[in-house]
Amino acid sequence: MQKLQSQGVHHITLVGAGRQTSIDFWEGVLGMPFIFEQPNLDKASESHLYFDPGDGRLITVFTDESRRPEKRRTPTDIGCVHHIAFAVSRVTFLQAVARLDERAIKHSGVKDRGFMDSIYFEDPLGLLIELASYRFEPPAGFSHADVLMQAHKVRVARGDYAIAEVHLADAIQALVERSRATLSDDRAPKNPY
């Protein structure tokens, strides 16, 4: 038996209401370019809108002009999507509360997640959206996931409850020390003053 190895998210498809609701939210609020549209090839009454979330991958929405937005939270039963998180830069994150407020979009305010900050709000169809901003940049040649995995190991070894900034800093140092050579005989911390 062999795995079916994943290499990233290809796209996420949502069930939308009318076409303009999706365009106004995904492009008009979240800034995702509307890159193409075609019929839903499995259901002639629906259109299929494609948006670029910023990394060249796709968020797609099936729309139907006979459907109207329902102002209720989408189900969170077992097997349902709880929320979708989108990465935003720190500078955008710092503007998010004000930009949501100017649209009168109800939101959670800033939530401290230890390794990132988050803000939650619902799209016009009740899907919970998270804007997430990492508190760190991975060293060259590593991903955020690499740093988080190393930070998890550091946290567990120390018996700490959740990943915090100190775990991230120590994880980044460990990754750099493992991957970058030095001419020094001793890489231990020093105080030259």
Protein backbone atom coordinates (compact mmCIF):
# COMPACT_ATOMS: atom_id res chain seq x y z
CA MET A 1 0.00 0.00 0.00
CA GLN A 2 1.34 3.46 -0.90
CA LYS A 3 0.34 6.99 0.14
CA LEU A 4 -1.19 9.53 -2.20
CA GLN A 5 1.39 12.22 -1.40
CA SER A 6 -0.02 15.75 -1.14
CA GLN A 7 2.12 18.66 -2.34
CA GLY A 8 -0.02 21.57 -1.20
CA VAL A 9 -3.57 22.87 -1.33
CA HIS A 10 -4.70 23.02 -4.97
CA HIS A 11 -7.94 24.89 -4.33
CA ILE A 12 -10.85 25.21 -1.93
CA THR A 13 -14.36 25.47 -3.38
CA LEU A 14 -17.21 27.09 -1.50
CA VAL A 15 -20.94 27.22 -2.21
CA GLY A 16 -21.86 30.84 -2.74
CA ALA A 17 -24.99 32.86 -3.36
CA GLY A 18 -25.13 35.34 -6.24
CA ARG A 19 -22.02 36.17 -8.25
CA GLN A 20 -21.58 39.78 -7.05
CA THR A 21 -21.66 38.81 -3.36
CA SER A 22 -18.60 36.62 -3.93
CA ILE A 23 -16.73 39.20 -6.00
CA ASP A 24 -17.46 41.95 -3.48
CA PHE A 25 -16.18 39.84 -0.58
CA TRP A 26 -13.24 37.89 -1.97
CA GLU A 27 -11.85 40.73 -4.10
CA GLY A 28 -13.46 43.80 -2.53
CA VAL A 29 -12.70 42.94 1.11
CA LEU A 30 -9.84 40.42 1.01
CA GLY A 31 -8.13 41.77 -2.12
CA MET A 32 -8.02 38.43 -3.95
CA PRO A 33 -7.92 39.05 -7.71
CA PHE A 34 -10.90 37.58 -9.59
CA ILE A 35 -8.93 35.68 -12.22
CA PHE A 36 -11.51 33.74 -14.23
CA GLU A 37 -15.02 32.40 -14.43
CA GLN A 38 -16.60 29.48 -16.20
CA PRO A 39 -19.75 27.38 -15.86
CA ASN A 40 -19.86 24.72 -13.16
CA LEU A 41 -19.36 21.79 -15.49
CA ASP A 42 -21.36 19.51 -13.16
CA LYS A 43 -24.35 21.84 -12.65
CA ALA A 44 -25.46 24.12 -15.49
CA SER A 45 -27.36 26.56 -13.24
CA GLU A 46 -24.16 27.52 -11.41
CA SER A 47 -21.18 29.61 -12.36
CA HIS A 48 -17.68 28.89 -11.02
CA LEU A 49 -15.62 31.92 -9.92
CA TYR A 50 -11.86 31.67 -9.32
CA PHE A 51 -9.87 33.95 -6.99
CA ASP A 52 -6.13 34.05 -6.23
CA PRO A 53 -5.60 34.22 -2.43
CA GLY A 54 -2.11 35.66 -2.90
CA ASP A 55 0.06 32.59 -3.43
CA GLY A 56 -1.08 31.59 -6.91
CA ARG A 57 -3.37 28.87 -5.60
CA LEU A 58 -7.14 29.15 -5.85
CA ILE A 59 -10.26 29.87 -3.84
CA THR A 60 -13.28 29.05 -5.98
CA VAL A 61 -16.97 29.73 -5.46
CA PHE A 62 -20.00 28.12 -7.06
CA THR A 63 -22.57 30.88 -7.56
CA ASP A 64 -26.22 30.88 -8.57
CA GLU A 65 -28.20 34.07 -9.08
CA SER A 66 -31.29 32.47 -7.50
CA ARG A 67 -29.48 32.08 -4.13
CA ARG A 68 -29.36 34.88 -1.57
CA PRO A 69 -26.91 35.27 1.34
CA GLU A 70 -28.15 33.82 4.63
CA LYS A 71 -26.98 35.69 7.71
CA ARG A 72 -26.17 32.67 9.86
CA ARG A 73 -23.01 30.87 10.87
CA THR A 74 -22.18 27.87 8.67
CA PRO A 75 -22.47 24.49 10.45
CA THR A 76 -19.60 23.36 12.67
CA ASP A 77 -20.73 19.77 13.01
CA ILE A 78 -18.20 16.94 12.77
CA GLY A 79 -16.81 16.87 9.24
CA CYS A 80 -17.72 20.51 8.49
CA VAL A 81 -15.23 23.30 7.87
CA HIS A 82 -14.79 25.39 11.02
CA HIS A 83 -12.93 28.28 9.39
CA ILE A 84 -10.48 29.20 6.66
CA ALA A 85 -7.35 31.15 7.62
CA PHE A 86 -5.55 33.51 5.26
CA ALA A 87 -2.04 34.82 5.76
CA VAL A 88 -1.61 38.57 5.83
CA SER A 89 1.55 40.63 6.29
CA ARG A 90 2.16 42.29 9.65
CA VAL A 91 1.46 45.74 8.21
CA THR A 92 -1.88 44.59 6.80
CA PHE A 93 -2.74 42.83 10.06
CA LEU A 94 -2.12 46.05 11.99
CA GLN A 95 -4.74 47.77 9.77
CA ALA A 96 -7.29 44.92 9.84
CA VAL A 97 -9.40 46.03 12.81
CA ALA A 98 -9.85 49.55 11.42
CA ARG A 99 -10.58 48.27 7.92
CA LEU A 100 -13.18 45.78 9.18
CA ASP A 101 -14.70 48.48 11.42
CA GLU A 102 -15.05 50.92 8.51
CA ARG A 103 -17.22 48.30 6.77
CA ALA A 104 -19.13 47.56 10.02
CA ILE A 105 -17.96 43.94 9.87
CA LYS A 106 -18.26 42.37 13.31
CA HIS A 107 -14.98 40.69 14.34
CA SER A 108 -13.16 39.09 17.26
CA GLY A 109 -10.49 41.74 17.67
CA VAL A 110 -6.87 40.62 17.87
CA LYS A 111 -6.32 37.15 19.35
CA ASP A 112 -2.91 36.13 20.68
CA ARG A 113 -2.03 32.65 19.40
CA GLY A 114 1.56 32.63 20.72
CA PHE A 115 3.25 32.08 17.36
CA MET A 116 0.84 34.28 15.41
CA ASP A 117 -1.92 36.84 15.85
CA SER A 118 -5.42 36.28 14.50
CA ILE A 119 -8.64 38.16 13.81
CA TYR A 120 -11.89 36.29 13.07
CA PHE A 121 -15.02 37.42 11.24
CA GLU A 122 -17.73 35.88 9.07
CA ASP A 123 -18.05 36.26 5.32
CA PRO A 124 -21.49 37.36 3.99
CA LEU A 125 -22.59 33.69 3.91
CA GLY A 126 -21.62 32.86 7.50
CA LEU A 127 -18.26 31.15 6.91
CA LEU A 128 -15.74 32.02 9.62
CA ILE A 129 -12.65 33.68 8.15
CA GLU A 130 -9.37 34.13 10.00
CA LEU A 131 -6.70 36.66 9.12
CA ALA A 132 -3.43 35.29 10.49
CA SER A 133 -0.06 36.98 10.81
CA TYR A 134 3.01 35.04 11.90
CA ARG A 135 5.22 36.70 14.51
CA PHE A 136 8.37 35.34 12.89
CA GLU A 137 10.11 34.85 9.58
CA PRO A 138 11.77 31.48 8.97
CA PRO A 139 15.49 31.42 8.22
CA ALA A 140 16.49 31.18 4.56
CA GLY A 141 15.79 27.72 3.17
CA PHE A 142 13.15 26.86 5.79
CA SER A 143 9.36 27.19 5.87
CA HIS A 144 7.07 28.40 8.62
CA ALA A 145 6.13 24.73 9.15
CA ASP A 146 9.80 23.84 9.72
CA VAL A 147 10.10 26.49 12.43
CA LEU A 148 6.80 25.46 14.05
CA MET A 149 7.78 21.79 14.15
CA GLN A 150 11.10 22.66 15.80
CA ALA A 151 9.34 25.07 18.20
CA HIS A 152 6.94 22.27 19.14
CA LYS A 153 9.88 20.01 19.99
CA VAL A 154 11.45 22.78 22.10
CA ARG A 155 8.14 23.43 23.89
CA VAL A 156 7.49 19.75 24.65
CA ALA A 157 11.05 19.21 25.91
CA ARG A 158 10.56 22.12 28.34
CA GLY A 159 7.11 20.96 29.44
CA ASP A 160 5.50 24.25 28.40
CA TYR A 161 1.78 24.53 27.64
CA ALA A 162 1.82 26.10 24.16
CA ILE A 163 4.27 27.52 21.65
CA ALA A 164 5.41 31.00 22.68
CA GLU A 165 7.84 33.50 21.19
CA VAL A 166 10.79 32.10 23.16
CA HIS A 167 10.23 28.68 21.58
CA LEU A 168 10.19 30.24 18.12
CA ALA A 169 13.43 32.16 18.72
CA ASP A 170 15.17 29.04 20.02
CA ALA A 171 13.79 26.97 17.14
CA ILE A 172 15.11 29.44 14.58
CA GLN A 173 18.52 29.40 16.26
CA ALA A 174 18.57 25.57 16.22
CA LEU A 175 17.64 25.44 12.53
CA VAL A 176 20.34 27.95 11.62
CA GLU A 177 22.96 26.13 13.68
CA ARG A 178 22.05 22.81 12.01
CA SER A 179 22.08 24.21 8.49
CA ARG A 180 24.87 26.82 8.48
CA ALA A 181 28.54 26.01 8.96
CA THR A 182 30.90 28.17 11.00
CA LEU A 183 34.65 28.45 11.35
CA SER A 184 34.27 28.95 15.12
CA ASP A 185 35.18 26.11 17.48
CA ASP A 186 32.49 27.19 19.94
CA ARG A 187 29.03 28.45 18.93
CA ALA A 188 27.80 28.90 22.51
CA PRO A 189 26.29 32.28 23.46
CA LYS A 190 28.85 34.88 24.59
CA ASN A 191 28.88 38.32 26.18
CA PRO A 192 31.64 40.38 24.54
CA TYR A 193 30.99 43.40 26.82
